[in-house]
Amino acid sequence: QLQLVESGGGLVQPGGSLRLSCAATGFTLGNYAISWFRQAPGKEREGVSCISSRGSSTNYADSVKGRFTISRDNAKNTVYLQMNSLKPEDIAVYYCAAARNYYYCSTFVPMAMNYWGKGTLVTVSS
């Protein structure tokens, strides 16, 4: 079964850090560019970060630049999102998605993603 599974979400205080993981089962993650999206309550889904299939190119939304870092370990079939200096406005369900084409990944086109995970909730609160 082709599947993406996110993990690592939880409750963290403002200024804290979390590392999200996106693991693939049933297919080779290294053949895909991977995006992280997030959806806050009452808001539309937005792109957060993207990494090319081999990890040579990355892209970030302005709202997370300098705070979030995307990386991947294709040997482990996993992509990571390191989130530092978290703010209450980062509260959302975070989803990873796989795209065959890096263009759609980097421009955060949800309709062009081939696979989606079910999401992991990140809450930032004191």
N, C-alpha and C. Protein backbone atom coordinates (compact mmCIF):
# COMPACT_ATOMS: atom_id res chain seq x y z
N GLN A 1 0.84 -1.18 0.00
CA GLN A 1 0.00 0.00 0.00
C GLN A 1 0.88 1.24 0.00
N LEU A 2 0.59 2.17 -0.92
CA LEU A 2 1.36 3.39 -1.03
C LEU A 2 0.89 4.37 0.03
N GLN A 3 1.83 4.82 0.87
CA GLN A 3 1.40 5.62 2.00
C GLN A 3 2.50 6.56 2.46
N LEU A 4 2.10 7.76 2.90
CA LEU A 4 2.98 8.68 3.60
C LEU A 4 2.45 8.83 5.02
N VAL A 5 3.34 8.76 5.98
CA VAL A 5 2.94 8.86 7.38
C VAL A 5 3.77 9.92 8.07
N GLU A 6 3.10 10.94 8.60
CA GLU A 6 3.78 11.99 9.34
C GLU A 6 3.82 11.64 10.83
N SER A 7 4.85 12.11 11.50
CA SER A 7 4.96 11.95 12.95
C SER A 7 5.78 13.10 13.51
N GLY A 8 5.75 13.23 14.83
CA GLY A 8 6.58 14.23 15.49
C GLY A 8 5.85 15.46 15.96
N GLY A 9 4.57 15.56 15.64
CA GLY A 9 3.81 16.71 16.12
C GLY A 9 3.56 16.62 17.61
N GLY A 10 3.06 17.71 18.17
CA GLY A 10 2.76 17.74 19.59
C GLY A 10 2.64 19.14 20.10
N LEU A 11 2.67 19.27 21.42
CA LEU A 11 2.55 20.57 22.08
C LEU A 11 3.93 21.08 22.46
N VAL A 12 4.21 22.32 22.12
CA VAL A 12 5.50 22.92 22.44
C VAL A 12 5.25 24.37 22.85
N GLN A 13 6.11 24.89 23.70
CA GLN A 13 6.00 26.28 24.13
C GLN A 13 6.52 27.22 23.05
N PRO A 14 6.05 28.44 23.03
CA PRO A 14 6.61 29.42 22.08
C PRO A 14 8.12 29.50 22.22
N GLY A 15 8.79 29.53 21.08
CA GLY A 15 10.25 29.52 21.06
C GLY A 15 10.86 28.15 21.05
N GLY A 16 10.04 27.13 21.21
CA GLY A 16 10.53 25.77 21.24
C GLY A 16 10.72 25.18 19.86
N SER A 17 11.08 23.90 19.84
CA SER A 17 11.40 23.20 18.59
C SER A 17 10.68 21.87 18.51
N LEU A 18 10.42 21.45 17.30
CA LEU A 18 9.91 20.13 17.00
C LEU A 18 10.54 19.67 15.70
N ARG A 19 10.66 18.36 15.55
CA ARG A 19 11.09 17.80 14.27
C ARG A 19 10.02 16.85 13.77
N LEU A 20 9.47 17.18 12.62
CA LEU A 20 8.48 16.31 12.00
C LEU A 20 9.18 15.34 11.06
N SER A 21 8.60 14.16 10.94
CA SER A 21 9.10 13.16 10.01
C SER A 21 7.98 12.76 9.06
N CYS A 22 8.38 12.43 7.85
CA CYS A 22 7.45 11.94 6.83
C CYS A 22 8.06 10.67 6.26
N ALA A 23 7.45 9.54 6.55
CA ALA A 23 7.98 8.26 6.11
C ALA A 23 7.09 7.67 5.03
N ALA A 24 7.71 7.05 4.07
CA ALA A 24 6.97 6.45 2.97
C ALA A 24 6.97 4.94 3.08
N THR A 25 5.86 4.35 2.76
CA THR A 25 5.77 2.90 2.66
C THR A 25 5.14 2.55 1.32
N GLY A 26 5.65 1.50 0.72
CA GLY A 26 5.07 1.05 -0.54
C GLY A 26 5.64 1.70 -1.78
N PHE A 27 6.50 2.71 -1.62
CA PHE A 27 7.15 3.31 -2.78
C PHE A 27 8.45 3.95 -2.33
N THR A 28 9.27 4.30 -3.31
CA THR A 28 10.59 4.86 -3.03
C THR A 28 10.49 6.37 -2.97
N LEU A 29 10.67 6.89 -1.77
CA LEU A 29 10.54 8.33 -1.58
C LEU A 29 11.57 9.12 -2.38
N GLY A 30 12.71 8.50 -2.63
CA GLY A 30 13.77 9.18 -3.35
C GLY A 30 13.44 9.52 -4.79
N ASN A 31 12.35 9.00 -5.30
CA ASN A 31 11.92 9.33 -6.66
C ASN A 31 11.02 10.55 -6.72
N TYR A 32 10.77 11.16 -5.56
CA TYR A 32 9.80 12.25 -5.49
C TYR A 32 10.38 13.46 -4.77
N ALA A 33 9.94 14.62 -5.23
CA ALA A 33 10.12 15.83 -4.43
C ALA A 33 9.06 15.81 -3.34
N ILE A 34 9.39 16.34 -2.18
CA ILE A 34 8.47 16.29 -1.05
C ILE A 34 8.20 17.70 -0.54
N SER A 35 6.93 17.97 -0.36
CA SER A 35 6.50 19.25 0.22
C SER A 35 5.89 19.03 1.59
N TRP A 36 6.05 20.02 2.42
CA TRP A 36 5.28 20.11 3.66
C TRP A 36 4.26 21.24 3.47
N PHE A 37 3.02 20.91 3.78
CA PHE A 37 1.95 21.89 3.82
C PHE A 37 1.44 21.97 5.26
N ARG A 38 0.68 23.01 5.54
CA ARG A 38 0.02 23.08 6.84
C ARG A 38 -1.34 23.74 6.67
N GLN A 39 -2.23 23.39 7.58
CA GLN A 39 -3.56 23.98 7.56
C GLN A 39 -3.96 24.33 8.98
N ALA A 40 -4.11 25.61 9.21
CA ALA A 40 -4.55 26.10 10.51
C ALA A 40 -6.08 26.11 10.55
N PRO A 41 -6.65 26.07 11.74
CA PRO A 41 -8.11 26.08 11.86
C PRO A 41 -8.73 27.28 11.14
N GLY A 42 -9.68 27.00 10.28
CA GLY A 42 -10.39 28.06 9.57
C GLY A 42 -9.63 28.69 8.42
N LYS A 43 -8.46 28.13 8.10
CA LYS A 43 -7.65 28.70 7.02
C LYS A 43 -7.41 27.66 5.93
N GLU A 44 -6.99 28.17 4.78
CA GLU A 44 -6.67 27.28 3.67
C GLU A 44 -5.31 26.61 3.89
N ARG A 45 -5.15 25.48 3.24
CA ARG A 45 -3.86 24.80 3.30
C ARG A 45 -2.80 25.65 2.60
N GLU A 46 -1.63 25.75 3.20
CA GLU A 46 -0.55 26.55 2.62
C GLU A 46 0.74 25.75 2.57
N GLY A 47 1.55 26.04 1.58
CA GLY A 47 2.84 25.38 1.46
C GLY A 47 3.84 25.96 2.44
N VAL A 48 4.66 25.09 2.99
CA VAL A 48 5.64 25.50 3.99
C VAL A 48 7.06 25.34 3.47
N SER A 49 7.34 24.16 2.92
CA SER A 49 8.70 23.89 2.46
C SER A 49 8.68 22.76 1.46
N CYS A 50 9.73 22.70 0.66
CA CYS A 50 9.84 21.67 -0.36
C CYS A 50 11.29 21.26 -0.50
N ILE A 51 11.52 20.00 -0.84
CA ILE A 51 12.88 19.52 -1.10
C ILE A 51 12.85 18.64 -2.33
N SER A 52 13.84 18.79 -3.17
CA SER A 52 13.91 18.00 -4.39
C SER A 52 14.21 16.54 -4.06
N SER A 53 14.10 15.69 -5.06
CA SER A 53 14.19 14.25 -4.82
C SER A 53 15.54 13.84 -4.23
N ARG A 54 16.61 14.52 -4.62
CA ARG A 54 17.93 14.17 -4.11
C ARG A 54 18.40 15.11 -3.01
N GLY A 55 17.56 16.11 -2.70
CA GLY A 55 17.90 17.01 -1.61
C GLY A 55 18.76 18.18 -2.01
N SER A 56 19.00 18.37 -3.30
CA SER A 56 19.90 19.42 -3.74
C SER A 56 19.24 20.79 -3.78
N SER A 57 17.91 20.81 -3.83
CA SER A 57 17.18 22.08 -3.88
C SER A 57 16.10 22.10 -2.81
N THR A 58 15.95 23.26 -2.20
CA THR A 58 14.89 23.43 -1.20
C THR A 58 14.20 24.77 -1.42
N ASN A 59 13.02 24.89 -0.86
CA ASN A 59 12.27 26.13 -0.96
C ASN A 59 11.46 26.29 0.33
N TYR A 60 11.26 27.53 0.75
CA TYR A 60 10.54 27.80 1.99
C TYR A 60 9.56 28.95 1.80
N ALA A 61 8.45 28.86 2.50
CA ALA A 61 7.54 30.01 2.57
C ALA A 61 8.22 31.11 3.39
N ASP A 62 7.91 32.35 3.05
CA ASP A 62 8.54 33.47 3.75
C ASP A 62 8.29 33.42 5.26
N SER A 63 7.14 32.90 5.64
CA SER A 63 6.76 32.90 7.05
C SER A 63 7.62 31.96 7.90
N VAL A 64 8.35 31.04 7.27
CA VAL A 64 9.15 30.08 8.04
C VAL A 64 10.64 30.16 7.72
N LYS A 65 11.01 30.99 6.78
CA LYS A 65 12.44 31.09 6.42
C LYS A 65 13.28 31.48 7.62
N GLY A 66 14.39 30.78 7.77
CA GLY A 66 15.28 31.05 8.89
C GLY A 66 14.90 30.32 10.16
N ARG A 67 13.72 29.73 10.19
CA ARG A 67 13.27 29.00 11.39
C ARG A 67 13.10 27.50 11.11
N PHE A 68 12.66 27.15 9.91
CA PHE A 68 12.41 25.75 9.56
C PHE A 68 13.49 25.27 8.60
N THR A 69 13.83 24.00 8.71
CA THR A 69 14.79 23.39 7.80
C THR A 69 14.26 22.04 7.35
N ILE A 70 14.21 21.86 6.04
CA ILE A 70 13.77 20.59 5.48
C ILE A 70 15.00 19.78 5.08
N SER A 71 14.92 18.47 5.27
CA SER A 71 16.02 17.59 4.90
C SER A 71 15.44 16.22 4.58
N ARG A 72 16.27 15.36 4.02
CA ARG A 72 15.78 14.02 3.71
C ARG A 72 16.90 13.01 3.83
N ASP A 73 16.50 11.78 4.11
CA ASP A 73 17.41 10.63 4.15
C ASP A 73 16.76 9.56 3.28
N ASN A 74 17.16 9.52 2.04
CA ASN A 74 16.51 8.58 1.11
C ASN A 74 16.80 7.13 1.49
N ALA A 75 17.90 6.87 2.14
CA ALA A 75 18.19 5.51 2.59
C ALA A 75 17.16 5.04 3.63
N LYS A 76 16.61 5.99 4.37
CA LYS A 76 15.58 5.68 5.36
C LYS A 76 14.18 5.96 4.84
N ASN A 77 14.10 6.40 3.57
CA ASN A 77 12.79 6.68 2.98
C ASN A 77 12.00 7.70 3.79
N THR A 78 12.72 8.71 4.29
CA THR A 78 12.11 9.67 5.23
C THR A 78 12.56 11.10 4.91
N VAL A 79 11.63 12.02 5.08
CA VAL A 79 11.90 13.46 4.98
C VAL A 79 11.59 14.09 6.33
N TYR A 80 12.37 15.11 6.67
CA TYR A 80 12.22 15.74 7.98
C TYR A 80 11.92 17.24 7.81
N LEU A 81 11.27 17.78 8.82
CA LEU A 81 11.08 19.22 8.90
C LEU A 81 11.46 19.64 10.32
N GLN A 82 12.61 20.26 10.44
CA GLN A 82 13.05 20.78 11.74
C GLN A 82 12.46 22.17 11.91
N MET A 83 11.70 22.33 12.98
CA MET A 83 11.01 23.60 13.22
C MET A 83 11.54 24.22 14.52
N ASN A 84 12.18 25.36 14.39
CA ASN A 84 12.73 26.07 15.55
C ASN A 84 12.00 27.39 15.75
N SER A 85 12.18 27.96 16.90
CA SER A 85 11.58 29.27 17.23
C SER A 85 10.09 29.30 16.90
N LEU A 86 9.40 28.27 17.33
CA LEU A 86 7.99 28.14 16.99
C LEU A 86 7.16 29.25 17.62
N LYS A 87 6.14 29.65 16.88
CA LYS A 87 5.25 30.75 17.27
C LYS A 87 3.81 30.24 17.31
N PRO A 88 2.95 30.92 18.02
CA PRO A 88 1.54 30.50 18.02
C PRO A 88 0.94 30.46 16.62
N GLU A 89 1.42 31.31 15.72
CA GLU A 89 0.89 31.30 14.35
C GLU A 89 1.33 30.08 13.54
N ASP A 90 2.20 29.26 14.12
CA ASP A 90 2.60 28.01 13.46
C ASP A 90 1.64 26.86 13.79
N ILE A 91 0.69 27.11 14.65
CA ILE A 91 -0.27 26.06 15.00
C ILE A 91 -1.04 25.62 13.76
N ALA A 92 -1.01 24.32 13.51
CA ALA A 92 -1.67 23.79 12.32
C ALA A 92 -1.51 22.27 12.29
N VAL A 93 -2.26 21.66 11.40
CA VAL A 93 -1.99 20.27 11.03
C VAL A 93 -1.00 20.32 9.88
N TYR A 94 0.10 19.60 10.03
CA TYR A 94 1.16 19.59 9.03
C TYR A 94 1.06 18.30 8.21
N TYR A 95 1.09 18.47 6.90
CA TYR A 95 0.98 17.35 5.97
C TYR A 95 2.24 17.29 5.10
N CYS A 96 2.66 16.08 4.79
CA CYS A 96 3.68 15.95 3.75
C CYS A 96 3.01 15.40 2.49
N ALA A 97 3.59 15.75 1.37
CA ALA A 97 3.03 15.34 0.09
C ALA A 97 4.17 15.10 -0.89
N ALA A 98 3.97 14.15 -1.77
CA ALA A 98 4.99 13.76 -2.74
C ALA A 98 4.58 14.19 -4.14
N ALA A 99 5.53 14.73 -4.86
CA ALA A 99 5.29 15.16 -6.23
C ALA A 99 6.40 14.64 -7.13
N ARG A 100 6.04 14.16 -8.29
CA ARG A 100 7.05 13.70 -9.25
C ARG A 100 7.84 14.86 -9.81
N ASN A 101 7.22 16.02 -9.86
CA ASN A 101 7.82 17.18 -10.51
C ASN A 101 8.20 18.22 -9.45
N TYR A 102 9.47 18.57 -9.39
CA TYR A 102 9.93 19.53 -8.39
C TYR A 102 9.25 20.89 -8.56
N TYR A 103 8.90 21.23 -9.77
CA TYR A 103 8.26 22.54 -10.00
C TYR A 103 7.00 22.66 -9.14
N TYR A 104 6.18 21.63 -9.17
CA TYR A 104 4.92 21.70 -8.42
C TYR A 104 5.17 21.66 -6.92
N CYS A 105 6.21 20.95 -6.54
CA CYS A 105 6.60 20.91 -5.13
C CYS A 105 7.01 22.30 -4.68
N SER A 106 7.89 22.93 -5.40
CA SER A 106 8.46 24.21 -4.98
C SER A 106 7.46 25.36 -5.07
N THR A 107 6.45 25.21 -5.92
CA THR A 107 5.43 26.25 -6.03
C THR A 107 4.18 25.89 -5.24
N PHE A 108 4.25 24.79 -4.49
CA PHE A 108 3.20 24.40 -3.55
C PHE A 108 1.84 24.33 -4.22
N VAL A 109 1.75 23.45 -5.19
CA VAL A 109 0.49 23.25 -5.91
C VAL A 109 -0.16 21.98 -5.37
N PRO A 110 -1.12 22.10 -4.46
CA PRO A 110 -1.71 20.90 -3.85
C PRO A 110 -2.30 19.93 -4.85
N MET A 111 -2.93 20.46 -5.89
CA MET A 111 -3.59 19.58 -6.85
C MET A 111 -2.59 18.72 -7.61
N ALA A 112 -1.35 19.12 -7.66
CA ALA A 112 -0.34 18.39 -8.43
C ALA A 112 0.40 17.35 -7.61
N MET A 113 0.12 17.26 -6.32
CA MET A 113 0.79 16.27 -5.49
C MET A 113 0.24 14.88 -5.79
N ASN A 114 1.13 13.89 -5.82
CA ASN A 114 0.72 12.53 -6.15
C ASN A 114 0.24 11.74 -4.91
N TYR A 115 0.86 12.01 -3.78
CA TYR A 115 0.49 11.31 -2.55
C TYR A 115 0.47 12.31 -1.40
N TRP A 116 -0.42 12.02 -0.43
CA TRP A 116 -0.54 12.84 0.77
C TRP A 116 -0.52 11.96 2.01
N GLY A 117 0.04 12.50 3.08
CA GLY A 117 -0.13 11.87 4.38
C GLY A 117 -1.40 12.39 5.04
N LYS A 118 -1.69 11.87 6.23
CA LYS A 118 -2.91 12.25 6.93
C LYS A 118 -2.70 13.41 7.90
N GLY A 119 -1.46 13.79 8.12
CA GLY A 119 -1.18 14.96 8.92
C GLY A 119 -0.81 14.67 10.35
N THR A 120 -0.11 15.63 10.94
CA THR A 120 0.24 15.59 12.35
C THR A 120 0.04 16.99 12.93
N LEU A 121 -0.54 17.06 14.12
CA LEU A 121 -0.92 18.35 14.70
C LEU A 121 0.23 18.96 15.49
N VAL A 122 0.49 20.22 15.21
CA VAL A 122 1.48 21.00 15.96
C VAL A 122 0.74 22.10 16.71
N THR A 123 0.94 22.14 18.02
CA THR A 123 0.33 23.17 18.86
C THR A 123 1.43 23.93 19.59
N VAL A 124 1.35 25.24 19.54
CA VAL A 124 2.34 26.09 20.20
C VAL A 124 1.60 26.94 21.23
N SER A 125 1.89 26.66 22.48
CA SER A 125 1.17 27.35 23.54
C SER A 125 1.96 27.27 24.84
N SER A 126 1.83 28.31 25.64
CA SER A 126 2.46 28.30 26.96
C SER A 126 1.49 27.79 28.01
